[in-house]
Amino acid sequence: SELGLLTSLETFSLVNDFVGTIPSEFWLMTSLTSLESFGSGDAGLETIPSEVGLLTNLKRLLLDNHSLKGTIPSEIFGSRLENLWLHYNELEGTIPTEIGLSKALRTAHFESNNLWGTLPSEIGLLTELEEFYVWNNTLLTGPVPDEVGNLVDKLYLFYIFDTNLSGSIPSRMCDARVDVSVDCDKIECDCCVASQEIWSCLTCDNWLQRNNP
């Protein structure tokens, strides 16, 4: 495939699904900083190739709404990755602990998949993180890691409702203006008040700010 000749290409974007297999030459485009494919929800690309890890300059990996199956390869968590969108797929397995290697990560979308296991404590290493979504993964279990309290300098959206996570929201998040959405019957949050949806809570600061502009 001639794709391998595009060694200086920085952005590869498709509006529709990948169809078939990705030619091996694709992974020679090591200058890529952005790989984006916004799917229609139909089966196209079947799994996330571990070869994504060969794209060491990648900052944006957007593969949402593709009916992707399989697990999340640990190789995709490069040191330069800033935006990871894997939502609205059928991914299984755990969120790899290697997520902690992507210290530049700003947005992480895992919502509406079939992920299981616990949230890795390594999320607490992502001090640039602004948005974190894992809602609608009903097989996620275990306590919310206390380490997420390390993220309050940049974090402003933390949506973990419609899961089976338990425990409590760290008090450090209560002191910051983080928009927190949890299952109120499973997760304790001293600074949360119920929103219009019974499963959603917001930190008091944000609730007051929204209702008293």
Protein backbone atom coordinates (compact mmCIF):
# COMPACT_ATOMS: atom_id res chain seq x y z
CA SER A 1 0.00 0.00 0.00
CA GLU A 2 1.17 3.51 -0.87
CA LEU A 3 0.08 4.71 2.57
CA GLY A 4 3.48 3.76 3.89
CA LEU A 5 5.05 6.44 1.68
CA LEU A 6 3.25 9.20 3.59
CA THR A 7 5.86 9.32 6.30
CA SER A 8 5.37 13.04 6.93
CA LEU A 9 1.58 12.88 7.25
CA GLU A 10 0.39 14.20 10.62
CA THR A 11 -3.41 13.82 10.46
CA PHE A 12 -5.43 10.87 9.18
CA SER A 13 -9.18 11.35 9.44
CA LEU A 14 -12.16 9.35 8.15
CA VAL A 15 -15.77 10.36 8.55
CA ASN A 16 -17.08 6.81 8.12
CA ASP A 17 -16.03 3.38 9.33
CA PHE A 18 -12.83 1.61 8.51
CA VAL A 19 -13.73 -1.39 6.35
CA GLY A 20 -11.62 -4.52 6.23
CA THR A 21 -8.10 -4.73 7.61
CA ILE A 22 -5.56 -1.95 7.93
CA PRO A 23 -2.54 -2.53 5.66
CA SER A 24 0.69 -3.08 7.55
CA GLU A 25 2.26 -0.13 5.75
CA PHE A 26 -0.13 2.18 7.58
CA TRP A 27 1.97 1.87 10.72
CA LEU A 28 4.99 3.31 8.88
CA MET A 29 3.35 6.75 9.09
CA THR A 30 5.15 7.49 12.32
CA SER A 31 4.70 11.26 12.01
CA LEU A 32 0.99 10.89 12.65
CA THR A 33 -0.19 13.00 15.58
CA SER A 34 -3.92 12.45 14.97
CA LEU A 35 -5.79 9.28 13.98
CA GLU A 36 -9.51 9.92 13.79
CA SER A 37 -12.38 7.82 12.50
CA PHE A 38 -15.93 8.72 13.44
CA GLY A 39 -18.03 5.64 12.83
CA SER A 40 -21.67 5.08 12.03
CA GLY A 41 -22.07 2.29 14.58
CA ASP A 42 -21.85 -0.41 11.92
CA ALA A 43 -19.15 -3.02 12.04
CA GLY A 44 -16.06 -1.79 10.24
CA LEU A 45 -12.80 -1.98 12.12
CA GLU A 46 -13.28 -5.01 14.38
CA THR A 47 -10.68 -4.45 17.11
CA ILE A 48 -8.13 -1.83 18.15
CA PRO A 49 -4.82 -2.90 16.60
CA SER A 50 -1.93 -3.06 19.05
CA GLU A 51 0.19 -1.60 16.24
CA VAL A 52 -1.24 1.79 17.16
CA GLY A 53 1.59 1.80 19.68
CA LEU A 54 4.05 2.17 16.79
CA LEU A 55 2.69 5.69 16.21
CA THR A 56 4.81 7.20 18.95
CA ASN A 57 3.91 10.81 18.09
CA LEU A 58 0.16 10.21 18.36
CA LYS A 59 -1.73 12.84 20.37
CA ARG A 60 -5.30 12.11 19.27
CA LEU A 61 -6.82 8.63 18.92
CA LEU A 62 -10.52 8.95 18.19
CA LEU A 63 -12.25 5.65 17.38
CA ASP A 64 -15.70 6.13 18.83
CA ASN A 65 -18.92 4.50 17.63
CA HIS A 66 -17.32 1.66 15.67
CA SER A 67 -18.80 -1.46 17.33
CA LEU A 68 -15.20 -2.32 18.24
CA LYS A 69 -14.80 -5.61 20.11
CA GLY A 70 -11.93 -7.16 22.03
CA THR A 71 -9.84 -5.46 24.69
CA ILE A 72 -8.03 -2.14 24.93
CA PRO A 73 -4.38 -2.78 23.97
CA SER A 74 -1.91 -1.51 26.53
CA GLU A 75 0.33 -0.38 23.66
CA ILE A 76 -1.92 2.56 22.75
CA PHE A 77 -0.97 4.53 25.85
CA GLY A 78 1.91 6.55 24.48
CA SER A 79 3.61 9.34 26.36
CA ARG A 80 2.27 12.03 23.99
CA LEU A 81 -1.37 10.92 23.89
CA GLU A 82 -3.71 13.77 24.81
CA ASN A 83 -7.17 12.71 23.59
CA LEU A 84 -8.50 9.14 23.68
CA TRP A 85 -12.07 8.53 22.49
CA LEU A 86 -13.20 4.91 22.55
CA HIS A 87 -16.83 5.40 23.53
CA TYR A 88 -19.91 3.74 22.01
CA ASN A 89 -18.15 0.50 21.17
CA GLU A 90 -18.34 -3.07 22.48
CA LEU A 91 -14.93 -3.22 24.12
CA GLU A 92 -14.38 -5.73 26.91
CA GLY A 93 -11.79 -6.34 29.60
CA THR A 94 -10.16 -3.87 31.92
CA ILE A 95 -8.76 -0.39 31.51
CA PRO A 96 -5.02 -1.17 31.34
CA THR A 97 -2.81 0.10 34.14
CA GLU A 98 -0.55 1.46 31.38
CA ILE A 99 -2.96 4.38 31.13
CA GLY A 100 -0.71 5.95 33.75
CA LEU A 101 2.04 6.24 31.12
CA SER A 102 0.00 8.78 29.15
CA LYS A 103 0.74 11.69 31.46
CA ALA A 104 -0.26 14.22 28.79
CA LEU A 105 -3.79 12.76 28.56
CA ARG A 106 -6.51 15.45 28.76
CA THR A 107 -9.70 13.64 27.68
CA ALA A 108 -10.52 9.95 28.15
CA HIS A 109 -13.80 8.54 26.85
CA PHE A 110 -14.57 4.90 27.71
CA GLU A 111 -18.33 5.25 28.15
CA SER A 112 -20.89 2.82 26.71
CA ASN A 113 -18.72 -0.26 26.38
CA ASN A 114 -18.64 -3.63 28.16
CA LEU A 115 -15.58 -3.01 30.34
CA TRP A 116 -15.14 -4.85 33.60
CA GLY A 117 -12.80 -4.90 36.59
CA THR A 118 -11.76 -1.92 38.67
CA LEU A 119 -10.59 1.58 37.83
CA PRO A 120 -6.78 1.49 37.91
CA SER A 121 -5.20 3.67 40.57
CA GLU A 122 -2.73 4.81 37.89
CA ILE A 123 -5.42 7.25 36.73
CA GLY A 124 -4.14 9.38 39.58
CA LEU A 125 -0.91 9.95 37.61
CA LEU A 126 -2.77 11.82 34.85
CA THR A 127 -2.37 15.29 36.28
CA GLU A 128 -3.31 16.96 32.94
CA LEU A 129 -6.65 15.12 32.79
CA GLU A 130 -9.69 17.34 32.26
CA GLU A 131 -12.45 14.88 31.31
CA PHE A 132 -12.94 11.26 32.34
CA TYR A 133 -15.95 9.21 31.28
CA VAL A 134 -16.71 5.55 32.04
CA TRP A 135 -20.48 5.72 32.44
CA ASN A 136 -22.63 2.88 31.12
CA ASN A 137 -20.11 0.13 31.84
CA THR A 138 -22.21 -1.91 34.23
CA LEU A 139 -19.53 -4.54 34.87
CA LEU A 140 -17.03 -2.08 36.34
CA THR A 141 -16.71 -2.84 40.05
CA GLY A 142 -14.67 -1.99 43.11
CA PRO A 143 -13.98 1.26 44.91
CA VAL A 144 -13.24 4.59 43.27
CA PRO A 145 -9.45 4.96 43.68
CA ASP A 146 -8.53 7.64 46.19
CA GLU A 147 -5.76 8.66 43.77
CA VAL A 148 -8.30 10.42 41.53
CA GLY A 149 -8.18 13.17 44.14
CA ASN A 150 -4.74 14.05 42.71
CA LEU A 151 -6.42 15.32 39.53
CA VAL A 152 -8.30 18.30 40.92
CA ASP A 153 -5.98 20.95 39.42
CA LYS A 154 -7.23 20.28 35.87
CA LEU A 155 -10.16 17.84 36.12
CA TYR A 156 -13.63 19.29 35.62
CA LEU A 157 -15.74 16.34 34.36
CA PHE A 158 -15.79 12.96 36.12
CA TYR A 159 -18.73 10.80 34.96
CA ILE A 160 -18.84 7.28 36.41
CA PHE A 161 -22.59 6.63 36.73
CA ASP A 162 -24.41 3.51 35.51
CA THR A 163 -21.60 1.25 36.72
CA ASN A 164 -21.15 -0.98 39.76
CA LEU A 165 -18.34 1.11 41.20
CA SER A 166 -18.52 1.72 44.93
CA GLY A 167 -16.72 3.54 47.71
CA SER A 168 -16.61 7.30 47.93
CA ILE A 169 -15.54 10.41 46.07
CA PRO A 170 -12.30 11.76 47.60
CA SER A 171 -12.87 14.85 49.70
CA ARG A 172 -10.25 16.72 47.65
CA MET A 173 -12.66 16.65 44.72
CA CYS A 174 -15.30 18.26 46.91
CA ASP A 175 -13.07 21.27 47.43
CA ALA A 176 -12.56 21.75 43.70
CA ARG A 177 -15.04 22.64 40.98
CA VAL A 178 -15.26 19.16 39.52
CA ASP A 179 -18.53 18.10 37.90
CA VAL A 180 -19.06 14.62 39.35
CA SER A 181 -21.78 12.25 38.16
CA VAL A 182 -22.13 8.98 40.10
CA ASP A 183 -24.65 6.35 41.17
CA CYS A 184 -25.79 7.96 44.40
CA ASP A 185 -27.00 4.66 45.87
CA LYS A 186 -23.56 3.06 45.48
CA ILE A 187 -21.00 5.84 45.93
CA GLU A 188 -20.73 8.22 48.86
CA CYS A 189 -20.15 11.85 48.06
CA ASP A 190 -20.34 14.26 50.99
CA CYS A 191 -20.46 17.31 48.75
CA CYS A 192 -22.92 15.98 46.19
CA VAL A 193 -26.53 16.96 45.78
CA ALA A 194 -29.00 15.09 43.61
CA SER A 195 -29.69 16.54 40.21
CA GLN A 196 -32.91 16.00 38.29
CA GLU A 197 -31.78 12.47 37.43
CA ILE A 198 -31.78 10.21 40.48
CA TRP A 199 -28.53 8.56 39.44
CA SER A 200 -26.58 11.78 39.02
CA CYS A 201 -24.83 13.95 41.56
CA LEU A 202 -22.93 17.19 41.17
CA THR A 203 -20.41 18.74 43.48
CA CYS A 204 -22.03 21.52 45.47
CA ASP A 205 -19.87 24.26 43.99
CA ASN A 206 -20.91 23.36 40.47
CA TRP A 207 -24.55 22.88 41.40
CA LEU A 208 -24.67 26.31 43.05
CA GLN A 209 -22.81 27.87 40.15
CA ARG A 210 -25.25 26.39 37.62
CA ASN A 211 -28.35 27.38 39.56
CA ASN A 212 -27.16 30.81 40.66
CA PRO A 213 -25.49 32.32 37.57
